[in-house]
Amino acid sequence: MSERKYNIRRHTDLDVYKKAFEASMAFFRLSKDFPKEETYSLTDQGRRSSRSVCANLAEAWRKRRYPAAFVAKLSDSEAEAAESQT
């Protein structure tokens, strides 16, 4: 088994953050073509929930020294990801 070395200095170095950010940007691009009548419902909510995944991961990173707060923020991030999927 090969050993991978990680040099993670900030939340933006995390693979999960990178993937969440890519997904958020993809949703933003796709939602530009949504019907105009969805602007204030489906489009807005989807954009906010997908961005919230990244925001909660960043908050979790900053609270990583406090296990309960860290887990709570990861849980929030997972909930927003589930909302984005829906």
N, C-alpha and C. Protein backbone atom coordinates (compact mmCIF):
# COMPACT_ATOMS: atom_id res chain seq x y z
N MET A 1 0.85 -1.17 0.00
CA MET A 1 0.00 0.00 0.00
C MET A 1 0.90 1.24 0.00
N SER A 2 0.63 2.15 -0.90
CA SER A 2 1.44 3.36 -0.95
C SER A 2 0.95 4.37 0.09
N GLU A 3 1.88 5.09 0.61
CA GLU A 3 1.57 6.09 1.63
C GLU A 3 1.41 7.45 0.97
N ARG A 4 0.25 8.09 1.20
CA ARG A 4 0.02 9.43 0.66
C ARG A 4 0.34 10.44 1.74
N LYS A 5 1.01 11.48 1.35
CA LYS A 5 1.31 12.55 2.29
C LYS A 5 0.43 13.73 1.94
N TYR A 6 -0.19 14.26 2.95
CA TYR A 6 -1.08 15.40 2.77
C TYR A 6 -0.46 16.63 3.42
N ASN A 7 -0.58 17.72 2.75
CA ASN A 7 -0.14 18.99 3.31
C ASN A 7 -1.38 19.89 3.37
N ILE A 8 -2.17 19.67 4.39
CA ILE A 8 -3.42 20.40 4.53
C ILE A 8 -3.21 21.52 5.54
N ARG A 9 -3.29 22.73 5.02
CA ARG A 9 -3.07 23.90 5.87
C ARG A 9 -4.33 24.71 6.07
N ARG A 10 -5.29 24.55 5.17
CA ARG A 10 -6.54 25.31 5.28
C ARG A 10 -7.67 24.47 4.71
N HIS A 11 -8.88 24.90 5.00
CA HIS A 11 -10.04 24.11 4.57
C HIS A 11 -10.10 23.94 3.06
N THR A 12 -9.57 24.87 2.31
CA THR A 12 -9.61 24.77 0.85
C THR A 12 -8.68 23.69 0.30
N ASP A 13 -7.83 23.13 1.16
CA ASP A 13 -6.95 22.02 0.76
C ASP A 13 -7.64 20.66 0.88
N LEU A 14 -8.77 20.61 1.55
CA LEU A 14 -9.48 19.35 1.77
C LEU A 14 -10.17 18.90 0.48
N ASP A 15 -10.04 17.63 0.15
CA ASP A 15 -10.69 17.08 -1.05
C ASP A 15 -12.20 17.28 -0.98
N VAL A 16 -12.79 17.07 0.18
CA VAL A 16 -14.24 17.21 0.32
C VAL A 16 -14.67 18.64 0.05
N TYR A 17 -13.87 19.61 0.48
CA TYR A 17 -14.20 21.00 0.20
C TYR A 17 -14.11 21.29 -1.30
N LYS A 18 -13.06 20.80 -1.92
CA LYS A 18 -12.88 21.02 -3.36
C LYS A 18 -14.06 20.45 -4.15
N LYS A 19 -14.50 19.24 -3.78
CA LYS A 19 -15.61 18.61 -4.47
C LYS A 19 -16.92 19.36 -4.22
N ALA A 20 -17.12 19.81 -3.00
CA ALA A 20 -18.33 20.57 -2.68
C ALA A 20 -18.34 21.89 -3.44
N PHE A 21 -17.19 22.54 -3.55
CA PHE A 21 -17.10 23.80 -4.26
C PHE A 21 -17.39 23.58 -5.75
N GLU A 22 -16.81 22.53 -6.31
CA GLU A 22 -17.07 22.21 -7.72
C GLU A 22 -18.55 21.95 -7.96
N ALA A 23 -19.18 21.21 -7.06
CA ALA A 23 -20.61 20.92 -7.19
C ALA A 23 -21.43 22.19 -7.09
N SER A 24 -21.07 23.07 -6.18
CA SER A 24 -21.78 24.33 -6.03
C SER A 24 -21.68 25.18 -7.29
N MET A 25 -20.50 25.25 -7.85
CA MET A 25 -20.30 26.02 -9.08
C MET A 25 -21.05 25.38 -10.25
N ALA A 26 -21.07 24.07 -10.30
CA ALA A 26 -21.81 23.38 -11.37
C ALA A 26 -23.30 23.67 -11.26
N PHE A 27 -23.82 23.63 -10.02
CA PHE A 27 -25.24 23.95 -9.84
C PHE A 27 -25.52 25.39 -10.27
N PHE A 28 -24.65 26.29 -9.91
CA PHE A 28 -24.84 27.70 -10.29
C PHE A 28 -24.92 27.84 -11.81
N ARG A 29 -23.98 27.19 -12.50
CA ARG A 29 -23.99 27.27 -13.97
C ARG A 29 -25.26 26.67 -14.56
N LEU A 30 -25.64 25.50 -14.07
CA LEU A 30 -26.84 24.84 -14.57
C LEU A 30 -28.10 25.64 -14.28
N SER A 31 -28.15 26.25 -13.10
CA SER A 31 -29.36 26.97 -12.69
C SER A 31 -29.59 28.25 -13.50
N LYS A 32 -28.59 28.70 -14.21
CA LYS A 32 -28.78 29.87 -15.08
C LYS A 32 -29.82 29.60 -16.16
N ASP A 33 -29.99 28.32 -16.51
CA ASP A 33 -30.94 27.94 -17.54
C ASP A 33 -32.30 27.51 -16.99
N PHE A 34 -32.48 27.58 -15.67
CA PHE A 34 -33.77 27.23 -15.09
C PHE A 34 -34.82 28.25 -15.53
N PRO A 35 -36.08 27.84 -15.53
CA PRO A 35 -37.14 28.79 -15.89
C PRO A 35 -37.15 30.01 -14.96
N LYS A 36 -37.47 31.15 -15.52
CA LYS A 36 -37.47 32.40 -14.75
C LYS A 36 -38.44 32.35 -13.57
N GLU A 37 -39.53 31.62 -13.71
CA GLU A 37 -40.50 31.54 -12.60
C GLU A 37 -39.94 30.79 -11.39
N GLU A 38 -38.82 30.11 -11.56
CA GLU A 38 -38.18 29.39 -10.46
C GLU A 38 -37.08 30.21 -9.78
N THR A 39 -36.84 31.42 -10.22
CA THR A 39 -35.74 32.23 -9.71
C THR A 39 -35.76 32.36 -8.19
N TYR A 40 -36.91 32.59 -7.60
CA TYR A 40 -36.98 32.84 -6.17
C TYR A 40 -37.37 31.62 -5.36
N SER A 41 -37.44 30.48 -5.99
CA SER A 41 -37.74 29.27 -5.23
C SER A 41 -36.66 28.22 -5.47
N LEU A 42 -36.80 27.44 -6.51
CA LEU A 42 -35.85 26.36 -6.77
C LEU A 42 -34.43 26.86 -6.98
N THR A 43 -34.25 27.87 -7.81
CA THR A 43 -32.92 28.37 -8.13
C THR A 43 -32.24 28.94 -6.88
N ASP A 44 -32.93 29.82 -6.20
CA ASP A 44 -32.35 30.48 -5.02
C ASP A 44 -32.03 29.47 -3.92
N GLN A 45 -32.97 28.59 -3.63
CA GLN A 45 -32.75 27.61 -2.57
C GLN A 45 -31.61 26.66 -2.91
N GLY A 46 -31.54 26.21 -4.15
CA GLY A 46 -30.47 25.30 -4.55
C GLY A 46 -29.11 25.95 -4.47
N ARG A 47 -29.04 27.20 -4.89
CA ARG A 47 -27.77 27.93 -4.81
C ARG A 47 -27.35 28.13 -3.36
N ARG A 48 -28.30 28.49 -2.51
CA ARG A 48 -27.95 28.73 -1.10
C ARG A 48 -27.53 27.45 -0.40
N SER A 49 -28.24 26.36 -0.63
CA SER A 49 -27.89 25.12 0.06
C SER A 49 -26.55 24.57 -0.43
N SER A 50 -26.27 24.69 -1.73
CA SER A 50 -24.99 24.18 -2.22
C SER A 50 -23.82 25.02 -1.71
N ARG A 51 -24.01 26.33 -1.60
CA ARG A 51 -22.95 27.18 -1.03
C ARG A 51 -22.77 26.91 0.46
N SER A 52 -23.86 26.57 1.12
CA SER A 52 -23.81 26.33 2.56
C SER A 52 -22.97 25.10 2.91
N VAL A 53 -22.91 24.14 2.01
CA VAL A 53 -22.05 22.96 2.25
C VAL A 53 -20.62 23.43 2.46
N CYS A 54 -20.14 24.28 1.56
CA CYS A 54 -18.76 24.80 1.66
C CYS A 54 -18.58 25.65 2.91
N ALA A 55 -19.55 26.49 3.20
CA ALA A 55 -19.45 27.36 4.38
C ALA A 55 -19.38 26.54 5.66
N ASN A 56 -20.18 25.50 5.76
CA ASN A 56 -20.17 24.66 6.95
C ASN A 56 -18.88 23.86 7.06
N LEU A 57 -18.33 23.43 5.95
CA LEU A 57 -17.03 22.75 5.99
C LEU A 57 -15.94 23.70 6.48
N ALA A 58 -15.98 24.94 6.02
CA ALA A 58 -15.00 25.93 6.48
C ALA A 58 -15.15 26.17 7.98
N GLU A 59 -16.38 26.27 8.47
CA GLU A 59 -16.59 26.46 9.90
C GLU A 59 -16.13 25.24 10.69
N ALA A 60 -16.39 24.05 10.17
CA ALA A 60 -15.93 22.82 10.84
C ALA A 60 -14.41 22.82 10.96
N TRP A 61 -13.74 23.21 9.90
CA TRP A 61 -12.28 23.26 9.92
C TRP A 61 -11.79 24.17 11.04
N ARG A 62 -12.41 25.31 11.19
CA ARG A 62 -11.99 26.26 12.22
C ARG A 62 -12.31 25.77 13.63
N LYS A 63 -13.28 24.88 13.76
CA LYS A 63 -13.67 24.37 15.08
C LYS A 63 -13.13 22.97 15.34
N ARG A 64 -12.17 22.52 14.55
CA ARG A 64 -11.68 21.15 14.65
C ARG A 64 -11.04 20.82 15.99
N ARG A 65 -10.66 21.81 16.75
CA ARG A 65 -10.07 21.56 18.07
C ARG A 65 -11.12 21.22 19.13
N TYR A 66 -12.38 21.43 18.79
CA TYR A 66 -13.49 21.21 19.71
C TYR A 66 -14.39 20.13 19.11
N PRO A 67 -14.18 18.88 19.51
CA PRO A 67 -14.85 17.75 18.86
C PRO A 67 -16.36 17.90 18.68
N ALA A 68 -17.07 18.35 19.69
CA ALA A 68 -18.53 18.45 19.57
C ALA A 68 -18.92 19.50 18.53
N ALA A 69 -18.26 20.64 18.54
CA ALA A 69 -18.56 21.70 17.57
C ALA A 69 -18.17 21.26 16.16
N PHE A 70 -17.04 20.57 16.05
CA PHE A 70 -16.58 20.07 14.76
C PHE A 70 -17.60 19.11 14.15
N VAL A 71 -18.05 18.15 14.94
CA VAL A 71 -19.02 17.16 14.47
C VAL A 71 -20.34 17.84 14.13
N ALA A 72 -20.76 18.81 14.92
CA ALA A 72 -22.00 19.52 14.65
C ALA A 72 -21.94 20.24 13.30
N LYS A 73 -20.83 20.89 13.00
CA LYS A 73 -20.69 21.59 11.73
C LYS A 73 -20.61 20.62 10.56
N LEU A 74 -19.95 19.48 10.76
CA LEU A 74 -19.93 18.45 9.71
C LEU A 74 -21.34 17.93 9.46
N SER A 75 -22.11 17.77 10.53
CA SER A 75 -23.49 17.32 10.40
C SER A 75 -24.32 18.35 9.63
N ASP A 76 -24.12 19.63 9.94
CA ASP A 76 -24.82 20.70 9.21
C ASP A 76 -24.46 20.65 7.72
N SER A 77 -23.19 20.42 7.45
CA SER A 77 -22.72 20.36 6.07
C SER A 77 -23.37 19.19 5.34
N GLU A 78 -23.46 18.06 5.99
CA GLU A 78 -24.07 16.88 5.39
C GLU A 78 -25.55 17.13 5.13
N ALA A 79 -26.22 17.80 6.06
CA ALA A 79 -27.64 18.12 5.87
C ALA A 79 -27.85 19.04 4.67
N GLU A 80 -27.00 20.03 4.53
CA GLU A 80 -27.10 20.93 3.37
C GLU A 80 -26.81 20.19 2.07
N ALA A 81 -25.87 19.26 2.11
CA ALA A 81 -25.57 18.47 0.92
C ALA A 81 -26.79 17.62 0.52
N ALA A 82 -27.46 17.04 1.51
CA ALA A 82 -28.66 16.27 1.24
C ALA A 82 -29.76 17.16 0.66
N GLU A 83 -29.89 18.38 1.19
CA GLU A 83 -30.88 19.31 0.66
C GLU A 83 -30.54 19.67 -0.79
N SER A 84 -29.28 19.87 -1.06
CA SER A 84 -28.86 20.19 -2.43
C SER A 84 -29.16 19.05 -3.39
N GLN A 85 -29.01 17.82 -2.92
CA GLN A 85 -29.30 16.66 -3.76
C GLN A 85 -30.78 16.58 -4.09
N THR A 86 -31.59 17.01 -3.15
CA THR A 86 -33.04 16.93 -3.33
C THR A 86 -33.51 17.98 -4.29
